[in-house]
Protein backbone atom coordinates (compact mmCIF):
# COMPACT_ATOMS: atom_id res chain seq x y z
CA UNK A 1 -0.11 -0.22 0.23
CA UNK A 2 2.85 2.36 0.98
CA UNK A 3 4.33 1.52 -2.26
CA UNK A 4 1.39 2.24 -4.04
CA UNK A 5 1.03 5.73 -2.30
CA UNK A 6 4.28 6.59 -3.19
CA UNK A 7 3.97 5.93 -6.72
CA UNK A 8 0.82 7.98 -7.01
CA UNK A 9 2.72 10.89 -5.31
CA UNK A 10 5.41 10.81 -7.50
CA UNK A 11 2.88 10.70 -10.86
CA UNK A 12 1.26 13.65 -9.07
CA UNK A 13 4.24 15.57 -8.73
CA UNK A 14 5.36 14.93 -12.39
CA UNK A 15 2.13 16.00 -13.62
CA UNK A 16 2.22 19.25 -11.60
CA UNK A 17 5.96 20.01 -13.08
CA UNK A 18 4.96 19.09 -16.61
CA UNK A 19 1.89 21.53 -16.44
CA UNK A 20 4.16 24.25 -15.24
CA UNK A 21 6.44 23.58 -18.08
CA UNK A 22 3.65 23.97 -20.88
CA UNK A 23 3.22 27.21 -19.21
CA UNK A 24 6.79 28.17 -19.31
CA UNK A 25 7.02 27.06 -22.92
CA UNK A 26 3.97 28.90 -23.93
CA UNK A 27 5.75 32.35 -22.55
CA UNK A 28 3.48 32.38 -19.51
CA UNK A 29 5.65 31.68 -16.77
CA UNK A 30 3.69 32.28 -13.65
CA UNK A 31 6.94 32.55 -11.63
CA UNK A 32 8.07 35.61 -13.96
CA UNK A 33 4.72 37.64 -12.94
CA UNK A 34 6.01 40.30 -10.46
CA UNK A 35 2.42 41.75 -9.53
CA UNK A 36 -1.18 41.36 -10.06
CA UNK A 37 -3.63 44.26 -9.80
CA UNK A 38 -6.72 42.89 -7.63
CA UNK A 39 -9.58 45.43 -6.85
CA UNK A 40 -11.56 43.25 -4.34
CA UNK A 41 -11.58 40.42 -1.83
CA UNK A 42 -14.01 37.61 -1.35
CA UNK A 43 -15.65 38.83 1.89
CA UNK A 44 -16.17 42.43 0.41
CA UNK A 45 -17.71 41.16 -2.54
CA UNK A 46 -20.06 38.93 -0.43
CA UNK A 47 -20.78 41.53 1.98
CA UNK A 48 -21.44 44.10 -0.24
CA UNK A 49 -23.22 41.95 -3.32
CA UNK A 50 -25.79 44.87 -4.25
CA UNK A 51 -23.05 47.08 -5.27
CA UNK A 52 -21.05 44.30 -7.10
CA UNK A 53 -24.03 42.66 -8.76
CA UNK A 54 -23.20 42.40 -12.58
CA UNK A 55 -20.06 44.55 -12.22
CA UNK A 56 -16.56 43.57 -13.26
CA UNK A 57 -14.08 42.71 -10.14
CA UNK A 58 -10.32 41.31 -10.19
CA UNK A 59 -9.56 38.98 -7.22
CA UNK A 60 -6.77 36.80 -6.69
CA UNK A 61 -6.01 33.73 -4.05
CA UNK A 62 -5.61 30.13 -4.24
CA UNK A 63 -7.71 27.72 -5.79
CA UNK A 64 -9.30 25.32 -3.39
CA UNK A 65 -11.71 23.25 -5.11
CA UNK A 66 -12.66 22.61 -8.78
CA UNK A 67 -15.43 20.51 -10.58
CA UNK A 68 -16.31 20.47 -14.31
CA UNK A 69 -19.34 19.37 -16.38
CA UNK A 70 -18.72 19.45 -19.87
CA UNK A 71 -18.20 23.18 -21.13
CA UNK A 72 -18.83 24.85 -17.57
CA UNK A 73 -16.50 24.59 -14.39
CA UNK A 74 -16.81 25.73 -11.15
CA UNK A 75 -13.98 26.42 -8.29
CA UNK A 76 -13.69 28.16 -4.90
CA UNK A 77 -10.95 30.77 -4.49
CA UNK A 78 -9.69 31.39 -1.17
CA UNK A 79 -7.90 34.72 -0.15
CA UNK A 80 -7.21 36.02 3.30
CA UNK A 81 -10.79 36.95 4.17
CA UNK A 82 -12.36 33.89 2.89
CA UNK A 83 -13.71 31.96 -0.08
CA UNK A 84 -15.99 32.92 -3.35
CA UNK A 85 -17.25 30.64 -6.14
CA UNK A 86 -15.78 31.08 -9.48
CA UNK A 87 -17.70 30.17 -12.62
CA UNK A 88 -15.92 29.42 -15.83
CA UNK A 89 -17.65 29.02 -19.11
CA UNK A 90 -16.23 27.96 -22.16
CA UNK A 91 -18.10 30.35 -24.52
CA UNK A 92 -16.74 33.06 -22.37
CA UNK A 93 -13.19 32.18 -21.63
CA UNK A 94 -12.62 30.74 -25.00
CA UNK A 95 -11.11 27.37 -25.75
CA UNK A 96 -7.54 27.76 -25.13
CA UNK A 97 -8.09 29.53 -21.76
CA UNK A 98 -11.08 27.29 -20.67
CA UNK A 99 -8.63 24.29 -21.42
CA UNK A 100 -6.00 26.15 -19.36
CA UNK A 101 -8.76 26.25 -16.41
CA UNK A 102 -9.36 22.32 -16.68
CA UNK A 103 -5.95 21.70 -16.10
CA UNK A 104 -5.27 24.09 -13.13
CA UNK A 105 -4.67 22.31 -9.86
CA UNK A 106 -6.22 22.40 -6.43
CA UNK A 107 -3.66 24.52 -4.44
CA UNK A 108 -2.53 26.65 -7.67
CA UNK A 109 -2.74 30.47 -7.05
CA UNK A 110 -4.66 32.61 -9.50
CA UNK A 111 -6.38 35.96 -10.40
CA UNK A 112 -9.47 35.92 -11.88
CA UNK A 113 -11.20 39.05 -13.59
CA UNK A 114 -15.12 38.77 -14.10
CA UNK A 115 -18.86 39.92 -13.12
CA UNK A 116 -20.37 39.35 -10.08
CA UNK A 117 -23.71 37.33 -10.03
CA UNK A 118 -25.82 34.61 -8.15
CA UNK A 119 -26.02 31.21 -9.35
CA UNK A 120 -29.56 29.50 -9.64
CA UNK A 121 -28.47 27.99 -6.22
CA UNK A 122 -28.13 31.34 -4.63
CA UNK A 123 -24.36 31.32 -4.37
CA UNK A 124 -22.36 34.82 -4.96
CA UNK A 125 -20.11 33.95 -7.59
CA UNK A 126 -17.73 35.46 -10.09
CA UNK A 127 -18.18 34.58 -13.74
CA UNK A 128 -14.62 34.60 -15.02
CA UNK A 129 -13.77 36.48 -18.31
CA UNK A 130 -9.84 36.05 -17.84
CA UNK A 131 -8.02 33.62 -15.34
CA UNK A 132 -4.23 34.03 -14.71
CA UNK A 133 -2.14 31.46 -13.23
CA UNK A 134 0.01 33.58 -10.61
CA UNK A 135 1.89 30.63 -8.96
CA UNK A 136 2.15 26.78 -9.52
CA UNK A 137 1.22 24.68 -6.66
CA UNK A 138 3.95 21.99 -7.48
CA UNK A 139 3.04 20.04 -4.06
CA UNK A 140 -0.74 18.76 -3.52
CA UNK A 141 -2.47 19.71 -0.37
CA UNK A 142 -3.92 17.53 1.84
CA UNK A 143 -7.55 16.37 0.77
CA UNK A 144 -10.10 17.84 3.17
CA UNK A 145 -7.10 17.94 5.89
CA UNK A 146 -6.31 14.17 5.65
CA UNK A 147 -2.60 13.49 6.33
CA UNK A 148 -2.42 16.85 8.41
CA UNK A 149 -4.67 16.02 11.43
CA UNK A 150 -1.15 14.85 13.18
CA UNK A 151 -0.23 18.01 15.56
CA UNK A 152 3.17 17.85 15.19
CA UNK A 153 3.12 18.10 11.28
CA UNK A 154 0.82 20.88 11.89
CA UNK A 155 3.19 22.92 13.84
CA UNK A 156 6.02 21.99 11.46
CA UNK A 157 3.87 22.67 8.24
CA UNK A 158 1.91 25.97 9.65
CA UNK A 159 1.60 27.65 6.04
CA UNK A 160 -0.40 24.06 4.91
CA UNK A 161 -2.38 24.04 8.24
CA UNK A 162 -3.42 28.13 7.51
CA UNK A 163 -4.44 27.20 4.25
CA UNK A 164 -6.54 23.99 5.18
CA UNK A 165 -7.88 25.23 8.78
CA UNK A 166 -10.04 28.31 8.84
CA UNK A 167 -9.99 28.09 12.35
CA UNK A 168 -6.27 28.45 12.64
CA UNK A 169 -5.92 31.29 10.64
CA UNK A 170 -8.98 32.67 13.02
CA UNK A 171 -6.72 32.27 16.01
CA UNK A 172 -3.85 34.07 14.80
CA UNK A 173 -6.30 36.91 13.82
CA UNK A 174 -7.63 37.24 16.88
CA UNK A 175 -4.21 37.35 18.45
CA UNK A 176 -3.49 40.11 16.60
CA UNK A 177 -6.62 41.94 17.57
CA UNK A 178 -5.69 41.09 21.48
CA UNK A 179 -2.14 42.66 20.92
CA UNK A 180 -3.52 45.65 19.47
CA UNK A 181 -6.45 46.27 22.26
CA UNK A 182 -3.50 45.84 24.91
CA UNK A 183 -1.55 48.66 23.15
CA UNK A 184 -4.97 50.90 22.81
CA UNK A 185 -5.68 50.32 26.42
CA UNK A 186 -2.36 51.26 27.31
CA UNK A 187 -1.81 53.96 25.19
CA UNK A 188 -5.06 55.73 25.68
CA UNK A 189 -3.57 56.08 29.71
CA UNK A 190 -0.93 57.47 29.11
CA UNK A 191 1.90 54.65 29.04
CA UNK A 192 4.58 55.10 26.76
CA UNK A 193 5.81 51.87 24.45
CA UNK A 194 9.72 51.25 24.75
CA UNK A 195 12.39 49.05 23.50
CA UNK A 196 14.96 47.63 25.30
CA UNK A 197 17.73 45.40 24.23
CA UNK A 198 17.39 41.62 23.78
CA UNK A 199 21.23 40.45 23.89
CA UNK A 200 22.66 41.40 27.44
CA UNK A 201 25.60 41.01 29.61
CA UNK A 202 23.72 39.69 32.39
CA UNK A 203 20.60 37.63 32.55
CA UNK A 204 18.27 39.56 35.15
CA UNK A 205 15.02 40.32 35.88
CA UNK A 206 13.64 36.69 36.64
CA UNK A 207 14.65 33.70 38.02
CA UNK A 208 15.09 31.48 34.80
CA UNK A 209 17.94 29.69 32.96
CA UNK A 210 19.24 31.78 29.65
CA UNK A 211 20.05 30.90 26.33
CA UNK A 212 24.12 31.77 25.74
CA UNK A 213 25.39 33.11 22.97
CA UNK A 214 29.01 34.69 21.92
CA UNK A 215 29.64 38.28 20.27
CA UNK A 216 32.68 37.83 18.30
CA UNK A 217 33.87 41.30 17.97
CA UNK A 218 33.76 42.03 21.97
CA UNK A 219 35.01 38.16 22.53
CA UNK A 220 32.25 37.88 25.29
CA UNK A 221 29.45 35.60 26.02
CA UNK A 222 25.95 37.36 25.90
CA UNK A 223 22.30 36.51 27.38
CA UNK A 224 19.28 36.40 25.12
CA UNK A 225 17.06 38.35 27.66
CA UNK A 226 14.95 36.44 29.98
CA UNK A 227 12.56 39.45 31.19
CA UNK A 228 12.75 43.56 30.32
CA UNK A 229 12.26 44.17 33.90
CA UNK A 230 15.50 45.81 34.75
CA UNK A 231 15.93 47.81 32.04
CA UNK A 232 12.38 49.30 32.12
CA UNK A 233 13.50 50.15 35.81
CA UNK A 234 15.97 51.91 34.64
CA UNK A 235 13.70 54.47 32.47
CA UNK A 236 11.55 54.93 35.68
CA UNK A 237 14.91 56.18 37.53
CA UNK A 238 15.27 58.40 34.28
CA UNK A 239 12.29 60.27 34.63
CA UNK A 240 9.59 58.24 32.62
CA UNK A 241 6.42 57.99 34.68
CA UNK A 242 4.54 55.06 32.46
CA UNK A 243 6.50 52.70 30.18
CA UNK A 244 5.73 49.31 28.61
CA UNK A 245 7.13 46.91 26.08
CA UNK A 246 5.52 43.94 24.66
CA UNK A 247 8.14 41.38 22.84
CA UNK A 248 9.87 38.00 23.04
CA UNK A 249 11.74 36.71 25.95
CA UNK A 250 13.90 33.39 25.92
CA UNK A 251 14.02 30.90 28.40
CA UNK A 252 16.42 27.75 27.91
CA UNK A 253 13.98 25.50 29.80
CA UNK A 254 11.51 22.63 29.35
CA UNK A 255 8.45 22.51 26.90
CA UNK A 256 5.18 21.52 27.15
CA UNK A 257 1.47 22.61 26.79
CA UNK A 258 2.20 26.06 28.62
CA UNK A 259 5.61 26.74 27.64
CA UNK A 260 7.85 27.63 24.45
CA UNK A 261 11.52 28.53 24.49
CA UNK A 262 10.85 31.96 23.07
CA UNK A 263 7.81 33.73 24.12
CA UNK A 264 5.86 36.97 24.42
CA UNK A 265 5.16 39.06 27.68
CA UNK A 266 4.53 42.70 28.27
CA UNK A 267 5.86 44.38 31.26
CA UNK A 268 4.79 47.42 32.43
CA UNK A 269 5.80 50.20 34.86
CA UNK A 270 4.26 53.07 36.87
CA UNK A 271 5.80 55.36 39.03
CA UNK A 272 4.15 56.36 42.15
CA UNK A 273 2.14 53.52 42.28
CA UNK A 274 2.12 50.08 44.04
CA UNK A 275 0.95 46.64 43.55
CA UNK A 276 -2.52 47.29 44.12
CA UNK A 277 -2.84 49.94 41.45
CA UNK A 278 -1.12 46.61 39.26
CA UNK A 279 -4.38 44.73 40.37
CA UNK A 280 -6.69 47.17 39.20
CA UNK A 281 -4.66 47.35 36.03
CA UNK A 282 -4.40 43.82 35.38
CA UNK A 283 -8.61 43.54 36.24
CA UNK A 284 -9.25 46.21 33.80
CA UNK A 285 -7.19 45.55 31.21
CA UNK A 286 -8.17 41.73 31.25
CA UNK A 287 -11.84 42.95 31.18
CA UNK A 288 -11.24 45.36 28.40
CA UNK A 289 -9.59 42.99 26.04
CA UNK A 290 -12.27 40.12 26.61
CA UNK A 291 -15.04 42.83 25.95
CA UNK A 292 -13.28 44.36 22.73
CA UNK A 293 -12.18 41.04 21.23
CA UNK A 294 -14.87 38.83 22.37
CA UNK A 295 -17.50 40.46 23.35
CA UNK A 296 -17.96 39.38 26.46
CA UNK A 297 -16.20 39.09 29.87
CA UNK A 298 -17.32 35.53 30.33
CA UNK A 299 -14.97 33.28 28.21
CA UNK A 300 -15.27 29.63 27.74
CA UNK A 301 -11.81 27.98 28.02
CA UNK A 302 -11.80 23.65 27.01
CA UNK A 303 -15.40 23.25 28.64
CA UNK A 304 -15.16 25.69 31.64
CA UNK A 305 -16.77 29.26 31.81
CA UNK A 306 -14.34 31.53 32.95
CA UNK A 307 -15.63 35.15 34.37
CA UNK A 308 -13.24 37.72 33.98
CA UNK A 309 -15.86 40.56 35.51
CA UNK A 310 -14.70 39.51 39.06
CA UNK A 311 -10.93 38.41 40.36
CA UNK A 312 -10.59 37.22 43.87
CA UNK A 313 -7.57 38.54 46.27
CA UNK A 314 -6.03 35.76 48.53
CA UNK A 315 -2.91 36.02 50.40
CA UNK A 316 -0.60 33.14 49.78
CA UNK A 317 -0.33 32.02 53.32
CA UNK A 318 -4.16 31.94 53.34
CA UNK A 319 -4.54 29.71 49.95
CA UNK A 320 -1.92 27.13 51.33
CA UNK A 321 -3.95 26.93 54.60
CA UNK A 322 -7.06 26.48 52.60
CA UNK A 323 -5.87 23.85 49.92
CA UNK A 324 -3.43 22.11 52.13
CA UNK A 325 -4.60 22.23 55.49
CA UNK A 326 -1.20 23.65 56.87
CA UNK A 327 -1.28 27.30 58.72
CA UNK A 328 2.19 28.78 58.20
CA UNK A 329 0.82 31.94 60.25
CA UNK A 330 1.55 29.42 63.01
CA UNK A 331 5.10 28.16 61.67
CA UNK A 332 7.40 31.01 62.52
CA UNK A 333 10.78 28.85 62.03
CA UNK A 334 12.65 27.21 59.01
CA UNK A 335 12.97 24.04 61.24
CA UNK A 336 9.14 23.93 61.71
CA UNK A 337 8.68 24.44 57.84
CA UNK A 338 10.80 21.66 56.86
CA UNK A 339 8.70 19.44 59.59
CA UNK A 340 5.65 20.50 57.91
CA UNK A 341 6.87 19.57 54.28
CA UNK A 342 8.47 16.44 55.79
CA UNK A 343 4.89 15.47 57.37
CA UNK A 344 2.93 15.99 54.25
CA UNK A 345 5.68 13.85 51.97
CA UNK A 346 7.34 16.80 50.40
CA UNK A 347 11.05 16.87 49.38
CA UNK A 348 12.74 20.03 50.30
CA UNK A 349 15.76 21.02 48.59
CA UNK A 350 18.50 21.99 50.94
CA UNK A 351 19.42 25.02 49.31
CA UNK A 352 15.83 26.26 49.52
CA UNK A 353 14.75 25.33 52.79
CA UNK A 354 13.75 28.66 54.41
CA UNK A 355 10.17 29.19 55.68
CA UNK A 356 9.43 31.24 52.50
CA UNK A 357 11.03 28.61 50.14
CA UNK A 358 8.80 25.98 51.84
CA UNK A 359 5.68 28.24 52.04
CA UNK A 360 6.20 28.47 47.87
CA UNK A 361 6.61 24.74 47.61
CA UNK A 362 3.26 24.31 49.48
CA UNK A 363 1.81 26.52 46.95
CA UNK A 364 2.85 24.78 43.85
CA UNK A 365 1.85 21.32 45.05
CA UNK A 366 -1.52 21.79 46.37
CA UNK A 367 -2.95 25.36 45.64
CA UNK A 368 -2.23 26.60 42.10
CA UNK A 369 -4.23 23.62 40.03
CA UNK A 370 -7.07 24.76 42.08
CA UNK A 371 -7.18 28.56 41.04
CA UNK A 372 -9.52 28.37 37.83
CA UNK A 373 -11.56 31.57 38.18
CA UNK A 374 -9.63 34.58 38.32
CA UNK A 375 -7.58 35.00 41.45
CA UNK A 376 -4.78 37.18 42.56
CA UNK A 377 -2.50 35.77 45.32
CA UNK A 378 -0.69 37.96 47.27
CA UNK A 379 1.95 38.66 49.81
CA UNK A 380 4.70 36.46 48.48
CA UNK A 381 7.79 35.41 50.87
CA UNK A 382 10.80 37.71 50.49
CA UNK A 383 12.86 34.68 49.32
CA UNK A 384 11.23 34.18 46.30
CA UNK A 385 10.79 37.57 45.29
CA UNK A 386 14.07 39.40 45.00
CA UNK A 387 12.70 42.42 43.40
CA UNK A 388 9.83 43.22 45.22
CA UNK A 389 9.18 45.74 48.03
CA UNK A 390 8.64 44.40 51.60
CA UNK A 391 5.49 44.99 53.41
CA UNK A 392 5.82 47.32 56.14
CA UNK A 393 3.88 45.39 58.59
CA UNK A 394 5.15 41.84 57.45
CA UNK A 395 8.71 42.39 56.08
CA UNK A 396 9.12 38.62 55.67
CA UNK A 397 6.54 39.00 52.88
CA UNK A 398 6.67 41.06 49.83
CA UNK A 399 4.02 43.27 48.12
CA UNK A 400 3.94 41.13 45.15
CA UNK A 401 1.03 38.93 43.20
CA UNK A 402 0.76 36.58 40.50
CA UNK A 403 -2.81 36.26 38.52
CA UNK A 404 -4.22 32.75 38.00
CA UNK A 405 -6.82 31.52 35.85
CA UNK A 406 -7.55 28.17 34.80
CA UNK A 407 -4.92 26.77 37.51
CA UNK A 408 -2.24 28.64 35.20
CA UNK A 409 -0.05 31.87 36.20
CA UNK A 410 -0.97 34.77 33.63
CA UNK A 411 1.15 37.69 35.14
CA UNK A 412 3.26 38.57 38.31
CA UNK A 413 3.57 42.23 39.72
CA UNK A 414 5.66 43.94 42.47
CA UNK A 415 5.37 47.12 44.31
CA UNK A 416 9.08 47.62 43.12
CA UNK A 417 12.17 47.54 45.15
CA UNK A 418 13.93 50.67 44.97
CA UNK A 419 15.92 50.71 48.26
CA UNK A 420 19.36 49.81 46.61
CA UNK A 421 20.85 48.66 50.16
CA UNK A 422 18.31 45.99 50.58
CA UNK A 423 18.23 45.37 46.63
CA UNK A 424 22.09 44.53 47.00
CA UNK A 425 21.59 42.15 49.93
CA UNK A 426 18.94 40.04 48.25
CA UNK A 427 21.34 39.81 44.92
CA UNK A 428 24.12 38.75 47.40
CA UNK A 429 21.56 35.92 48.20
CA UNK A 430 21.17 35.00 44.79
CA UNK A 431 24.64 34.82 44.09
CA UNK A 432 24.72 32.54 46.96
CA UNK A 433 22.08 30.33 45.99
CA UNK A 434 23.90 30.41 42.12
CA UNK A 435 27.29 29.11 43.91
CA UNK A 436 25.38 26.55 45.47
CA UNK A 437 24.11 25.29 41.99
CA UNK A 438 20.96 27.20 41.24
CA UNK A 439 21.37 28.13 37.61
CA UNK A 440 18.25 30.02 37.67
CA UNK A 441 19.36 32.43 40.77
CA UNK A 442 19.85 36.02 39.55
CA UNK A 443 23.28 37.58 38.88
CA UNK A 444 24.79 40.75 40.48
CA UNK A 445 23.66 43.51 38.19
CA UNK A 446 26.00 46.30 39.38
CA UNK A 447 24.65 48.77 36.72
CA UNK A 448 21.15 48.34 38.12
CA UNK A 449 22.16 49.10 41.52
CA UNK A 450 24.07 52.06 40.46
CA UNK A 451 20.54 53.45 38.60
CA UNK A 452 18.69 52.55 42.15
CA UNK A 453 21.49 54.39 43.95
CA UNK A 454 20.49 57.60 41.80
CA UNK A 455 16.91 57.09 43.15
CA UNK A 456 13.73 55.42 41.96
CA UNK A 457 10.48 56.47 43.13
CA UNK A 458 8.00 53.97 44.60
CA UNK A 459 6.87 52.14 41.61
CA UNK A 460 4.39 49.40 40.39
CA UNK A 461 5.57 46.87 37.88
CA UNK A 462 3.53 43.98 35.93
CA UNK A 463 4.12 41.21 33.85
CA UNK A 464 1.87 39.09 31.57
CA UNK A 465 2.35 36.22 29.68
CA UNK A 466 0.53 37.23 26.54
CA UNK A 467 0.69 33.80 24.93
CA UNK A 468 -1.18 32.48 27.71
CA UNK A 469 -3.77 35.26 27.71
CA UNK A 470 -4.28 34.40 23.94
CA UNK A 471 -4.71 30.77 24.50
CA UNK A 472 -7.63 31.85 27.14
CA UNK A 473 -9.38 34.50 24.82
CA UNK A 474 -9.20 31.60 21.83
CA UNK A 475 -9.84 28.53 23.61
CA UNK A 476 -6.63 27.11 22.68
CA UNK A 477 -5.38 24.43 24.43
CA UNK A 478 -1.58 24.65 23.83
CA UNK A 479 0.74 27.51 23.54
CA UNK A 480 1.89 26.06 20.31
CA UNK A 481 -1.55 26.66 18.99
CA UNK A 482 -0.90 30.36 19.22
CA UNK A 483 2.52 30.81 18.09
CA UNK A 484 2.56 30.83 14.26
CA UNK A 485 5.90 29.23 14.42
CA UNK A 486 6.46 27.32 17.84
CA UNK A 487 9.97 25.60 18.36
CA UNK A 488 10.30 22.17 16.93
CA UNK A 489 13.31 19.78 17.22
CA UNK A 490 14.37 18.73 13.67
CA UNK A 491 12.93 15.54 12.24
CA UNK A 492 16.54 14.75 11.37
CA UNK A 493 17.74 15.20 15.14
């Protein structure tokens, strides 16, 4: 059977190249056409049929279907906006051009000029008066998507996925609208979009393993950024009151339905604001985008209705108590916390055995998956928040929150630490962790400390995972479904 399929494919490929050769021999090589002047699109014609009826239009796109009945032929042309039927008649096109229409293959890119009309079955169509082959498809498209159900192949050949699956294209159109909505919301409220370096000499701003590259001229290793935080805070020092950057981050870590090595975030910083302001900003931004793009704040995600009109706010220790039964308000020492972890069967990393680290461990183990409806988890331990300001009333905790929906983290925010002395001490602790083998711990950033010593006003900062937000609003199961070209291991590897 495989041998028969292989022989059939070889014959199809040969036939398509033979047809191309006929065009070339006739002086009509489609690949020498540099421009085609189309004046309309499929959707515009269908939406405004009364204006176009019996008028000439010129459209272009991919031939997605074709059938012939004697001296009449039908086909569907797909452009970016949708599909429209093409009606080909021999006595209108002439013998030679009708013969060329008969030889067109599914997948060919064509231009069509003709009059708009409605068939007897009521389908809006274009009666072709001229058909131009603009690009020959030398490979056959999957038949009704057969052969492209393999998700791995769909991600590798996204171009075919987009051709064959209208819902995939719709997802990426929606993604673009979400990004536009985010920018519109922030721009209208006085936030200023900036760009900061992707190549850095220090990997900082997050706990993550970086990608390392080498600059030949400077003969030094550099890192692809893991976050934009430290550069954006330098801008707050420099006098920008409200800044944001939306762009790619790179982390040399695992891959799953929530993680890709390169991904998009937005980080937002506002002078004279705190983490409570960032919570309000997050709620309002999420609602605005949902209403603008989806028309509602009630989103269906994988069969579960998510209500973005309400966000719950819970301190981390209270959430841990609720879902694990262990109350860390009554546990005051590292030793007591270690004993509580042991009692729950949790393995504690000796390098991360403080009370704060263990609270975070309990949260990861018992809480996160339960946070389905929008929830802000607040008051994070200082040990896991090296860039956040301490709470005045609880100095072992920080003014930090993360927002969770569908059991996943969507954003992270602080009242930003602006005390250069405290910041240096926390960097030094991170360096100790790094020396102990934690390659996700932050490095010492002397220039950032230097900036803080010039003085940074009280500042609220927020980072949001854009890809996960797109997943939510498009009901996409995997992050790969919202990345046009997700990272894939080459087949030959």
